[in-house]
């Protein structure tokens, strides 16, 4: 095998992997956050869940991409561990499509697919067609890479050393290990199975020697999901365990069957003389049969994964600041199928937490003023630090994500969330201001009149009513926005009326100079809280 052949092999592998990445990016850009709605509707039923996993994987030609997406969904709370089981099973079936297409010699049409996809990107102005063009062009590039790898391996037929090495793969343990390690290195079972088919096309290996390598490849593909689960919660890590369990159980069953029954001969007889098709058929048989065997035990797999990786007290966020639904180190380099849905769901959930903390501080601050005591400052200050932390981390995450977002609708949502985070942080600042007025109340022994205290209670009530409409961070309907706008106008009207009442009390001598200054400052904070609540409502309305 010459240096030129080695370069051809590496170049073919590069094109194969790049083609898969193009298809994955195209699907992500085309589907965006719609992926969340699709999965919510279809994963409740195990059979539909398997079908969804198979279809998505068939489109992107990568079970790794689908499993990484599922890990992200489980980590963000969008999907339960039970739902993830069905998607993973389907992904293992969907990944066999690549091998079947190779066996059908679809590669002859690869240049046509590549041309058609590029033509859609270059000559059609509509952005959505560009995304579909990416998927089609990616499929063509994938098969062009496959052809390059096949051609580069042809000279190996003359290498006695290589042929001697290949014959050792009939040893089950060695074959499985080779398949595992090689697939783990290139992080694609589709690519490694394709290379195995390329060897078969060159007459270098038959099904009897390839079958155990094939089984090992199914285990090796799990490495991508394992890497993706680093830094995620326990449920996300359990998802990767389920993926591993599925393939280990399947490998164990099929290894025993191949050693005791003439399964290899049966599969060979189905397509005699076509080693590529034999490998593709065994790959499909492995995943379909394993899925059918384990489908009734999906709940048991999830329970076993939970027993293997139980909840740890040390991983809970009690007493510590942290993000629950998004990973602060997640970057656009991890741009996989479903990441838009994962990111948007995670940000929305974190903003919901932030809104609840902000609402609690608004409530506590007004209550502290009514009590005339600074005892609540410590608690309000602690939550305010957490609110500032969340604003910083959420804003940083969005800033990193938005420049790589290709779906216009999702990009607009990210911009809205960025503004919402800033507005919630400002509400927290005004709540902190109100709470800190209690220091002056205590130091100078200031007290408000009964009338002023009644007004403060009304301020607290209307603020909490408005904040309560924001906690879920769901897209706001026209009716809901009208309600928020009405409350903001009420806050403006109350501010004007209370200022007039304050002036009257001053003329009547019912209000001290210090009390007037503090009350005036509090009215300003009250009015600003209303403004920021309306800003949040308007941004949410833009997503409806």
Protein backbone atom coordinates (compact mmCIF):
# COMPACT_ATOMS: atom_id res chain seq x y z
CA UNK A 1 0.00 0.00 0.00
CA UNK A 2 1.66 3.23 -1.19
CA UNK A 3 1.70 6.63 0.45
CA UNK A 4 -0.79 7.80 -2.17
CA UNK A 5 -3.18 5.02 -1.16
CA UNK A 6 -2.85 6.00 2.51
CA UNK A 7 -3.61 9.62 1.65
CA UNK A 8 -6.61 8.45 -0.38
CA UNK A 9 -7.86 6.40 2.58
CA UNK A 10 -7.52 9.32 4.99
CA UNK A 11 -9.08 11.73 2.51
CA UNK A 12 -11.99 9.37 1.92
CA UNK A 13 -12.55 9.02 5.67
CA UNK A 14 -12.44 12.81 6.03
CA UNK A 15 -15.07 13.24 3.30
CA UNK A 16 -17.23 10.50 4.85
CA UNK A 17 -17.20 12.17 8.28
CA UNK A 18 -17.64 15.66 6.80
CA UNK A 19 -20.64 14.43 4.83
CA UNK A 20 -22.24 13.17 8.05
CA UNK A 21 -21.51 16.50 9.75
CA UNK A 22 -23.12 18.40 6.86
CA UNK A 23 -26.25 16.26 7.08
CA UNK A 24 -26.41 16.72 10.83
CA UNK A 25 -25.98 20.51 10.58
CA UNK A 26 -28.53 20.73 7.78
CA UNK A 27 -31.14 18.86 9.81
CA UNK A 28 -30.40 20.98 12.87
CA UNK A 29 -30.76 24.22 10.92
CA UNK A 30 -33.95 23.03 9.19
CA UNK A 31 -35.62 21.60 12.30
CA UNK A 32 -34.21 23.78 15.08
CA UNK A 33 -36.51 23.96 18.08
CA UNK A 34 -39.21 22.00 16.18
CA UNK A 35 -37.26 18.88 17.20
CA UNK A 36 -38.55 19.38 20.74
CA UNK A 37 -42.20 19.40 19.63
CA UNK A 38 -41.69 16.33 17.43
CA UNK A 39 -40.13 14.33 20.25
CA UNK A 40 -42.70 15.43 22.82
CA UNK A 41 -45.52 14.10 20.64
CA UNK A 42 -43.94 10.85 19.55
CA UNK A 43 -41.78 9.48 22.37
CA UNK A 44 -44.64 8.72 24.76
CA UNK A 45 -45.28 5.52 22.78
CA UNK A 46 -42.36 3.07 22.69
CA UNK A 47 -42.96 2.01 19.09
CA UNK A 48 -43.20 5.58 17.84
CA UNK A 49 -40.10 6.42 19.91
CA UNK A 50 -38.14 3.66 18.16
CA UNK A 51 -39.41 4.90 14.80
CA UNK A 52 -38.38 8.51 15.55
CA UNK A 53 -34.89 7.40 16.59
CA UNK A 54 -34.52 5.30 13.44
CA UNK A 55 -35.71 8.06 11.09
CA UNK A 56 -33.54 10.81 12.61
CA UNK A 57 -30.49 8.54 12.52
CA UNK A 58 -31.23 7.49 8.93
CA UNK A 59 -31.33 11.16 7.92
CA UNK A 60 -28.07 12.17 9.61
CA UNK A 61 -26.41 8.78 8.99
CA UNK A 62 -25.06 8.68 12.55
CA UNK A 63 -26.37 6.93 15.65
CA UNK A 64 -23.73 8.85 17.62
CA UNK A 65 -25.30 12.18 16.62
CA UNK A 66 -28.76 10.96 17.67
CA UNK A 67 -27.52 9.57 20.98
CA UNK A 68 -25.62 12.77 21.78
CA UNK A 69 -28.84 14.68 21.08
CA UNK A 70 -30.75 12.38 23.45
CA UNK A 71 -28.11 12.83 26.17
CA UNK A 72 -28.59 16.59 25.84
CA UNK A 73 -32.38 16.29 25.97
CA UNK A 74 -32.26 14.17 29.12
CA UNK A 75 -29.71 16.51 30.73
CA UNK A 76 -31.94 19.54 30.06
CA UNK A 77 -35.04 17.81 31.41
CA UNK A 78 -36.80 17.80 28.02
CA UNK A 79 -36.95 14.03 27.92
CA UNK A 80 -37.28 11.35 30.60
CA UNK A 81 -34.83 8.48 30.89
CA UNK A 82 -37.63 6.11 29.88
CA UNK A 83 -38.32 8.02 26.66
CA UNK A 84 -34.60 8.02 25.87
CA UNK A 85 -34.55 4.20 25.84
CA UNK A 86 -36.85 4.01 22.79
CA UNK A 87 -34.94 6.68 20.84
CA UNK A 88 -31.63 4.88 21.46
CA UNK A 89 -33.09 1.58 20.26
CA UNK A 90 -34.34 3.27 17.12
CA UNK A 91 -30.98 4.96 16.56
CA UNK A 92 -29.27 1.58 16.47
CA UNK A 93 -31.65 0.49 13.71
CA UNK A 94 -31.35 3.75 11.77
CA UNK A 95 -27.55 3.57 11.65
CA UNK A 96 -27.74 0.39 9.54
CA UNK A 97 -29.17 2.40 6.61
CA UNK A 98 -25.69 3.60 5.62
CA UNK A 99 -24.42 0.04 5.19
CA UNK A 100 -27.47 -0.94 3.17
CA UNK A 101 -27.04 2.04 0.84
CA UNK A 102 -23.38 1.14 0.34
CA UNK A 103 -24.34 -2.46 -0.43
CA UNK A 104 -26.88 -1.22 -3.01
CA UNK A 105 -24.05 0.71 -4.72
CA UNK A 106 -25.83 4.03 -4.27
CA UNK A 107 -22.31 5.47 -4.37
CA UNK A 108 -22.60 5.54 -8.18
CA UNK A 109 -25.14 8.34 -7.74
CA UNK A 110 -22.99 10.17 -5.16
CA UNK A 111 -21.76 12.90 -7.54
CA UNK A 112 -25.36 13.58 -8.57
CA UNK A 113 -26.44 13.95 -4.92
CA UNK A 114 -23.49 16.26 -4.23
CA UNK A 115 -24.29 18.39 -7.29
CA UNK A 116 -28.00 18.56 -6.48
CA UNK A 117 -27.31 19.63 -2.90
CA UNK A 118 -24.78 22.29 -3.86
CA UNK A 119 -27.15 23.56 -6.58
CA UNK A 120 -29.87 23.99 -3.94
CA UNK A 121 -27.47 26.00 -1.78
CA UNK A 122 -26.04 28.17 -4.59
CA UNK A 123 -28.97 28.77 -6.94
CA UNK A 124 -32.00 28.87 -4.65
CA UNK A 125 -32.32 32.02 -2.56
CA UNK A 126 -34.76 30.67 0.03
CA UNK A 127 -32.79 29.95 3.22
CA UNK A 128 -34.79 26.86 4.17
CA UNK A 129 -33.77 25.21 0.89
CA UNK A 130 -30.12 25.78 1.79
CA UNK A 131 -30.59 23.58 4.84
CA UNK A 132 -32.15 20.78 2.76
CA UNK A 133 -29.34 21.25 0.25
CA UNK A 134 -26.84 20.63 3.04
CA UNK A 135 -28.49 17.30 3.82
CA UNK A 136 -28.50 16.17 0.18
CA UNK A 137 -24.95 17.38 -0.53
CA UNK A 138 -23.74 15.77 2.68
CA UNK A 139 -25.16 12.42 1.54
CA UNK A 140 -23.31 12.73 -1.78
CA UNK A 141 -20.02 13.70 -0.15
CA UNK A 142 -20.39 10.81 2.30
CA UNK A 143 -20.57 8.27 -0.51
CA UNK A 144 -17.80 9.93 -2.52
CA UNK A 145 -15.62 9.45 0.57
CA UNK A 146 -16.75 5.82 0.75
CA UNK A 147 -15.68 5.24 -2.86
CA UNK A 148 -12.29 6.82 -2.17
CA UNK A 149 -11.73 4.51 0.81
CA UNK A 150 -12.71 1.43 -1.23
CA UNK A 151 -10.33 2.34 -4.06
CA UNK A 152 -7.47 3.05 -1.64
CA UNK A 153 -7.81 -0.39 -0.02
CA UNK A 154 -7.63 -2.37 -3.25
CA UNK A 155 -3.80 -2.78 -3.10
CA UNK A 156 -4.12 -4.51 0.29
CA UNK A 157 -5.28 -7.64 -1.54
CA UNK A 158 -1.64 -8.18 -2.48
CA UNK A 159 -0.32 -7.76 1.07
CA UNK A 160 0.31 -11.12 2.78
CA UNK A 161 0.90 -9.44 6.13
CA UNK A 162 -2.47 -7.68 6.00
CA UNK A 163 -4.30 -10.81 4.89
CA UNK A 164 -2.66 -12.71 7.76
CA UNK A 165 -3.85 -10.04 10.20
CA UNK A 166 -7.39 -10.12 8.83
CA UNK A 167 -7.68 -13.88 9.33
CA UNK A 168 -7.13 -13.42 13.06
CA UNK A 169 -10.38 -11.47 13.30
CA UNK A 170 -12.26 -14.77 13.32
CA UNK A 171 -11.20 -14.95 16.98
CA UNK A 172 -14.32 -13.50 18.71
CA UNK A 173 -12.49 -11.62 21.49
CA UNK A 174 -9.87 -10.11 19.16
CA UNK A 175 -12.47 -9.21 16.51
CA UNK A 176 -14.74 -7.48 19.04
CA UNK A 177 -11.82 -5.57 20.56
CA UNK A 178 -10.58 -4.39 17.16
CA UNK A 179 -14.07 -3.22 16.19
CA UNK A 180 -14.53 -1.41 19.52
CA UNK A 181 -11.18 0.38 19.50
CA UNK A 182 -11.26 1.44 15.85
CA UNK A 183 -14.83 2.77 16.08
CA UNK A 184 -14.04 4.56 19.35
CA UNK A 185 -11.10 6.30 17.67
CA UNK A 186 -13.01 7.62 14.65
CA UNK A 187 -16.26 8.00 16.69
CA UNK A 188 -18.52 6.70 13.93
CA UNK A 189 -19.91 3.20 13.55
CA UNK A 190 -21.24 4.13 10.10
CA UNK A 191 -17.71 5.01 8.95
CA UNK A 192 -16.11 1.94 10.55
CA UNK A 193 -18.76 -0.38 9.09
CA UNK A 194 -18.23 1.33 5.75
CA UNK A 195 -14.49 0.62 5.95
CA UNK A 196 -15.28 -3.01 6.81
CA UNK A 197 -17.48 -3.14 3.71
CA UNK A 198 -14.68 -1.59 1.66
CA UNK A 199 -12.36 -4.39 2.80
CA UNK A 200 -15.03 -6.91 1.85
CA UNK A 201 -15.51 -5.27 -1.57
CA UNK A 202 -11.81 -5.75 -2.22
CA UNK A 203 -12.03 -9.45 -1.35
CA UNK A 204 -9.89 -8.93 1.77
CA UNK A 205 -12.39 -10.21 4.31
CA UNK A 206 -15.49 -12.38 4.33
CA UNK A 207 -18.46 -12.38 6.70
CA UNK A 208 -16.92 -15.12 8.84
CA UNK A 209 -13.98 -12.84 9.63
CA UNK A 210 -15.94 -9.58 9.76
CA UNK A 211 -18.86 -10.59 11.96
CA UNK A 212 -17.13 -10.17 15.35
CA UNK A 213 -15.49 -6.90 14.28
CA UNK A 214 -18.99 -5.74 13.34
CA UNK A 215 -20.32 -6.57 16.80
CA UNK A 216 -17.45 -4.67 18.42
CA UNK A 217 -18.17 -1.65 16.25
CA UNK A 218 -21.63 -1.40 17.79
CA UNK A 219 -20.06 -1.11 21.24
CA UNK A 220 -17.33 1.31 20.10
CA UNK A 221 -19.87 3.80 18.76
CA UNK A 222 -21.00 4.45 22.35
CA UNK A 223 -17.78 6.38 23.08
CA UNK A 224 -19.18 9.57 21.48
CA UNK A 225 -22.18 9.60 23.81
CA UNK A 226 -19.93 8.80 26.78
CA UNK A 227 -17.77 11.83 25.97
CA UNK A 228 -20.88 14.00 25.49
CA UNK A 229 -22.18 12.99 28.94
CA UNK A 230 -19.14 14.43 30.73
CA UNK A 231 -20.34 17.29 32.90
CA UNK A 232 -24.03 16.36 32.59
CA UNK A 233 -26.44 15.26 35.30
CA UNK A 234 -26.91 11.67 36.49
CA UNK A 235 -29.87 10.96 34.23
CA UNK A 236 -27.89 12.00 31.14
CA UNK A 237 -25.04 9.71 32.18
CA UNK A 238 -27.56 6.89 32.65
CA UNK A 239 -28.63 7.42 29.02
CA UNK A 240 -25.12 6.49 27.86
CA UNK A 241 -25.20 3.44 30.13
CA UNK A 242 -28.43 2.31 28.43
CA UNK A 243 -26.74 2.73 25.04
CA UNK A 244 -23.80 0.62 26.24
CA UNK A 245 -26.06 -2.03 27.79
CA UNK A 246 -28.05 -2.35 24.56
CA UNK A 247 -24.96 -3.04 22.45
CA UNK A 248 -23.16 -5.22 25.02
CA UNK A 249 -26.23 -7.41 25.47
CA UNK A 250 -26.71 -7.62 21.70
CA UNK A 251 -23.03 -8.47 21.14
CA UNK A 252 -23.14 -11.19 23.79
CA UNK A 253 -26.27 -12.79 22.33
CA UNK A 254 -25.07 -12.70 18.71
CA UNK A 255 -21.54 -13.90 19.55
CA UNK A 256 -22.99 -16.96 21.29
CA UNK A 257 -25.40 -17.58 18.38
CA UNK A 258 -22.64 -17.27 15.76
CA UNK A 259 -20.43 -19.71 17.68
CA UNK A 260 -23.17 -22.31 18.19
CA UNK A 261 -25.49 -21.92 15.18
CA UNK A 262 -24.84 -21.47 11.42
CA UNK A 263 -26.09 -17.84 11.43
CA UNK A 264 -23.14 -16.62 9.31
CA UNK A 265 -23.86 -19.22 6.64
CA UNK A 266 -27.57 -18.31 6.59
CA UNK A 267 -26.79 -14.60 6.08
CA UNK A 268 -24.19 -15.42 3.41
CA UNK A 269 -26.71 -17.57 1.54
CA UNK A 270 -29.18 -14.70 1.41
CA UNK A 271 -26.85 -12.62 -0.84
CA UNK A 272 -24.17 -15.04 -2.14
CA UNK A 273 -21.10 -13.45 -3.69
CA UNK A 274 -21.88 -9.96 -2.27
CA UNK A 275 -19.77 -9.50 0.86
CA UNK A 276 -20.80 -5.85 1.28
CA UNK A 277 -24.48 -6.80 1.38
CA UNK A 278 -23.74 -9.64 3.79
CA UNK A 279 -22.09 -7.26 6.26
CA UNK A 280 -24.96 -4.76 5.86
CA UNK A 281 -27.56 -7.48 6.41
CA UNK A 282 -25.81 -8.82 9.53
CA UNK A 283 -25.56 -5.27 10.89
CA UNK A 284 -29.28 -4.72 10.30
CA UNK A 285 -30.17 -8.13 11.75
CA UNK A 286 -28.08 -7.44 14.86
CA UNK A 287 -29.81 -4.15 15.64
CA UNK A 288 -33.35 -5.10 14.68
CA UNK A 289 -33.30 -8.39 16.62
CA UNK A 290 -31.63 -6.81 19.67
CA UNK A 291 -34.28 -4.06 19.64
CA UNK A 292 -37.13 -6.58 19.41
CA UNK A 293 -35.64 -8.65 22.24
CA UNK A 294 -35.08 -5.66 24.55
CA UNK A 295 -38.19 -3.63 23.66
CA UNK A 296 -40.33 -5.30 26.36
CA UNK A 297 -37.56 -4.64 28.90
CA UNK A 298 -37.02 -0.93 28.22
CA UNK A 299 -38.25 0.03 31.69
CA UNK A 300 -35.92 -2.58 33.18
CA UNK A 301 -32.96 -1.12 31.27
CA UNK A 302 -33.71 2.34 32.67
CA UNK A 303 -34.01 0.87 36.19
CA UNK A 304 -30.74 -1.04 35.78
CA UNK A 305 -28.96 2.11 34.61
CA UNK A 306 -30.28 3.89 37.71
CA UNK A 307 -28.95 1.10 39.96
CA UNK A 308 -25.56 1.21 38.25
CA UNK A 309 -25.40 5.00 38.63
CA UNK A 310 -27.48 6.04 41.68
CA UNK A 311 -28.01 9.66 42.75
CA UNK A 312 -25.18 11.14 44.78
CA UNK A 313 -25.74 13.76 47.48
CA UNK A 314 -22.48 15.47 46.51
CA UNK A 315 -23.89 16.31 43.06
CA UNK A 316 -26.87 18.23 44.35
CA UNK A 317 -26.72 22.04 44.18
CA UNK A 318 -27.94 22.59 47.73
CA UNK A 319 -26.14 25.61 49.20
CA UNK A 320 -24.15 26.23 45.98
CA UNK A 321 -24.70 28.42 42.96
CA UNK A 322 -24.90 26.58 39.69
CA UNK A 323 -26.79 26.04 36.47
CA UNK A 324 -29.27 23.18 36.46
CA UNK A 325 -30.33 23.06 32.83
CA UNK A 326 -27.44 24.28 30.70
CA UNK A 327 -23.75 23.47 30.64
CA UNK A 328 -21.64 26.66 30.95
CA UNK A 329 -18.77 25.06 28.99
CA UNK A 330 -21.00 23.96 26.10
CA UNK A 331 -19.70 25.50 22.88
CA UNK A 332 -20.76 25.65 19.27
CA UNK A 333 -18.11 23.02 18.53
CA UNK A 334 -20.61 20.60 20.06
CA UNK A 335 -23.14 21.60 17.39
CA UNK A 336 -25.19 18.45 16.90
CA UNK A 337 -28.74 17.56 15.99
CA UNK A 338 -31.21 18.94 18.51
CA UNK A 339 -28.84 21.41 20.17
CA UNK A 340 -31.15 24.37 19.40
CA UNK A 341 -34.04 22.67 21.17
CA UNK A 342 -31.78 21.70 24.08
CA UNK A 343 -30.31 25.21 24.39
CA UNK A 344 -33.66 27.01 24.22
CA UNK A 345 -35.32 24.66 26.70
CA UNK A 346 -32.37 24.94 29.07
CA UNK A 347 -32.24 28.74 28.89
CA UNK A 348 -35.99 29.00 29.40
CA UNK A 349 -35.78 26.76 32.47
CA UNK A 350 -32.87 28.74 33.94
CA UNK A 351 -34.73 32.02 33.32
CA UNK A 352 -37.74 30.51 35.09
CA UNK A 353 -35.55 29.86 38.14
CA UNK A 354 -34.16 33.38 37.88
CA UNK A 355 -37.68 34.88 37.68
CA UNK A 356 -38.81 32.97 40.77
CA UNK A 357 -35.78 34.15 42.76
CA UNK A 358 -36.42 37.71 41.58
CA UNK A 359 -40.09 37.48 42.56
CA UNK A 360 -39.12 36.17 46.00
CA UNK A 361 -36.76 39.11 46.49
CA UNK A 362 -39.47 41.59 45.47
CA UNK A 363 -41.82 40.04 48.02
CA UNK A 364 -39.18 39.94 50.78
CA UNK A 365 -38.02 43.50 50.14
CA UNK A 366 -41.44 45.09 50.47
CA UNK A 367 -42.09 42.91 53.52
CA UNK A 368 -38.84 44.10 55.10
CA UNK A 369 -39.90 47.75 54.63
CA UNK A 370 -43.31 47.03 56.16
CA UNK A 371 -41.58 45.45 59.17
CA UNK A 372 -39.08 48.31 59.36
CA UNK A 373 -36.33 45.76 60.00
CA UNK A 374 -33.09 44.93 58.15
CA UNK A 375 -33.27 41.28 59.27
CA UNK A 376 -34.26 40.13 55.78
CA UNK A 377 -31.33 41.81 54.00
CA UNK A 378 -28.97 38.83 54.29
CA UNK A 379 -31.42 36.47 52.56
CA UNK A 380 -32.31 39.00 49.86
CA UNK A 381 -28.64 39.77 49.26
CA UNK A 382 -27.79 36.05 48.90
CA UNK A 383 -30.54 35.59 46.30
CA UNK A 384 -29.43 38.78 44.52
CA UNK A 385 -25.91 37.34 44.17
CA UNK A 386 -27.43 34.17 42.70
CA UNK A 387 -29.55 36.25 40.29
CA UNK A 388 -26.42 38.14 39.17
CA UNK A 389 -24.59 34.83 38.73
CA UNK A 390 -27.42 33.38 36.61
CA UNK A 391 -27.58 36.52 34.48
CA UNK A 392 -23.83 36.36 33.84
CA UNK A 393 -23.81 32.64 32.98
CA UNK A 394 -26.98 32.72 30.87
CA UNK A 395 -25.82 35.80 28.97
CA UNK A 396 -22.41 34.22 28.36
CA UNK A 397 -24.02 31.00 27.12
CA UNK A 398 -26.32 32.89 24.75
CA UNK A 399 -23.47 35.08 23.46
CA UNK A 400 -21.45 31.97 22.64
CA UNK A 401 -24.38 30.18 21.06
CA UNK A 402 -26.08 32.87 19.01
CA UNK A 403 -23.26 33.49 16.52
CA UNK A 404 -23.48 29.84 15.40
CA UNK A 405 -27.30 29.58 15.28
CA UNK A 406 -28.42 29.03 11.68
CA UNK A 407 -32.17 28.90 12.27
CA UNK A 408 -33.59 32.46 12.08
CA UNK A 409 -36.54 31.74 14.38
CA UNK A 410 -34.34 30.21 17.07
CA UNK A 411 -31.81 33.03 16.72
CA UNK A 412 -34.59 35.54 17.45
CA UNK A 413 -35.57 33.55 20.55
CA UNK A 414 -31.99 33.59 21.82
CA UNK A 415 -31.90 37.39 21.40
CA UNK A 416 -35.16 37.68 23.32
CA UNK A 417 -33.84 35.48 26.15
CA UNK A 418 -30.70 37.63 26.36
CA UNK A 419 -32.85 40.74 26.91
CA UNK A 420 -35.12 38.92 29.38
CA UNK A 421 -32.14 37.90 31.51
CA UNK A 422 -30.96 41.51 31.68
CA UNK A 423 -34.42 42.77 32.64
CA UNK A 424 -34.81 40.17 35.40
CA UNK A 425 -31.42 41.15 36.78
CA UNK A 426 -32.52 44.81 36.87
CA UNK A 427 -35.73 43.89 38.72
CA UNK A 428 -33.49 42.14 41.26
CA UNK A 429 -31.41 45.30 41.63
CA UNK A 430 -34.49 47.41 42.37
CA UNK A 431 -35.71 44.84 44.89
CA UNK A 432 -32.30 45.02 46.58
CA UNK A 433 -32.56 48.82 46.69
CA UNK A 434 -35.94 48.61 48.43
CA UNK A 435 -34.64 46.13 50.99
CA UNK A 436 -31.59 48.28 51.78
CA UNK A 437 -33.85 51.21 52.71
CA UNK A 438 -34.54 49.30 55.93
CA UNK A 439 -31.03 50.18 57.14
CA UNK A 440 -32.00 53.87 57.15
CA UNK A 441 -35.35 53.05 58.73
CA UNK A 442 -33.54 51.37 61.63
CA UNK A 443 -30.65 53.83 61.95
CA UNK A 444 -32.85 56.93 61.99
CA UNK A 445 -35.87 55.23 63.58
CA UNK A 446 -38.09 56.24 60.69
CA UNK A 447 -41.64 54.93 60.49
CA UNK A 448 -44.27 55.30 57.79
CA UNK A 449 -47.82 56.41 58.39
CA UNK A 450 -50.67 53.93 58.31
CA UNK A 451 -51.74 55.32 54.91
CA UNK A 452 -48.21 54.92 53.48
CA UNK A 453 -47.97 51.37 54.81
CA UNK A 454 -51.24 50.52 53.06
CA UNK A 455 -49.80 51.88 49.82
CA UNK A 456 -46.63 49.79 50.25
CA UNK A 457 -48.77 46.67 50.71
CA UNK A 458 -50.57 47.52 47.46
CA UNK A 459 -47.20 47.94 45.69
CA UNK A 460 -46.10 44.52 46.88
CA UNK A 461 -49.34 42.90 45.80
CA UNK A 462 -49.40 44.27 42.24
CA UNK A 463 -45.67 43.55 41.70
CA UNK A 464 -46.12 39.92 42.75
CA UNK A 465 -49.22 39.60 40.57
CA UNK A 466 -47.23 40.81 37.54
CA UNK A 467 -44.16 38.70 38.35
CA UNK A 468 -46.32 35.59 38.72
CA UNK A 469 -47.26 35.85 35.04
CA UNK A 470 -43.61 35.43 34.03
CA UNK A 471 -42.40 32.44 36.06
CA UNK A 472 -42.95 29.77 33.40
CA UNK A 473 -41.18 31.81 30.69
CA UNK A 474 -43.63 30.42 28.13
CA UNK A 475 -44.42 32.36 24.94
CA UNK A 476 -46.98 35.02 25.92
CA UNK A 477 -50.33 35.24 24.13
CA UNK A 478 -51.90 38.55 23.14
CA UNK A 479 -54.32 38.24 26.07
CA UNK A 480 -51.50 37.61 28.55
CA UNK A 481 -49.47 40.53 27.22
CA UNK A 482 -52.56 42.71 27.52
CA UNK A 483 -52.81 41.65 31.17
CA UNK A 484 -49.14 42.41 31.82
CA UNK A 485 -49.47 45.78 30.05
CA UNK A 486 -52.53 46.61 32.15
CA UNK A 487 -50.63 45.82 35.36
CA UNK A 488 -47.67 47.96 34.22
CA UNK A 489 -50.05 50.85 33.52
CA UNK A 490 -51.61 50.29 36.92
CA UNK A 491 -48.14 50.54 38.48
CA UNK A 492 -47.57 53.85 36.65
CA UNK A 493 -50.96 55.17 37.78
CA UNK A 494 -50.36 54.03 41.37
CA UNK A 495 -46.95 55.72 41.35
CA UNK A 496 -48.48 59.03 40.26
CA UNK A 497 -51.31 58.81 42.80
CA UNK A 498 -48.95 57.82 45.65
CA UNK A 499 -46.63 60.74 44.85
CA UNK A 500 -49.58 63.11 45.11
CA UNK A 501 -50.61 61.46 48.39
CA UNK A 502 -47.06 61.87 49.66
CA UNK A 503 -47.10 65.60 48.84
CA UNK A 504 -50.42 65.96 50.68
CA UNK A 505 -49.02 64.16 53.75
CA UNK A 506 -45.99 66.45 53.70
CA UNK A 507 -48.22 69.55 53.69
CA UNK A 508 -50.25 68.09 56.53
CA UNK A 509 -47.09 67.35 58.54
CA UNK A 510 -47.75 63.59 58.61
CA UNK A 511 -44.47 62.66 56.96
CA UNK A 512 -40.90 63.41 58.11
CA UNK A 513 -38.21 64.62 55.70
CA UNK A 514 -36.30 61.33 55.90
CA UNK A 515 -39.44 59.26 55.38
CA UNK A 516 -40.38 61.37 52.34
CA UNK A 517 -36.99 60.83 50.70
CA UNK A 518 -37.06 57.07 51.25
CA UNK A 519 -40.66 56.78 50.11
CA UNK A 520 -39.91 58.76 46.95
CA UNK A 521 -36.96 56.49 46.15
CA UNK A 522 -39.13 53.44 46.75
CA UNK A 523 -41.77 54.72 44.32
CA UNK A 524 -39.06 55.11 41.66
CA UNK A 525 -37.95 51.50 42.20
CA UNK A 526 -41.58 50.36 42.14
CA UNK A 527 -42.19 52.09 38.80
CA UNK A 528 -38.97 50.70 37.29
CA UNK A 529 -39.91 47.15 38.35
CA UNK A 530 -43.13 47.56 36.35
CA UNK A 531 -41.19 48.78 33.30
CA UNK A 532 -38.86 45.77 33.34
CA UNK A 533 -41.74 43.32 33.84
CA UNK A 534 -43.42 44.78 30.74
CA UNK A 535 -40.13 44.44 28.81
CA UNK A 536 -39.99 40.74 29.70
CA UNK A 537 -43.64 40.26 28.70
CA UNK A 538 -43.05 41.92 25.34
CA UNK A 539 -40.04 39.72 24.59
CA UNK A 540 -42.05 36.60 25.45
CA UNK A 541 -44.93 37.83 23.27
CA UNK A 542 -42.55 37.96 20.33
CA UNK A 543 -42.12 34.17 20.61
CA UNK A 544 -45.81 33.32 20.51
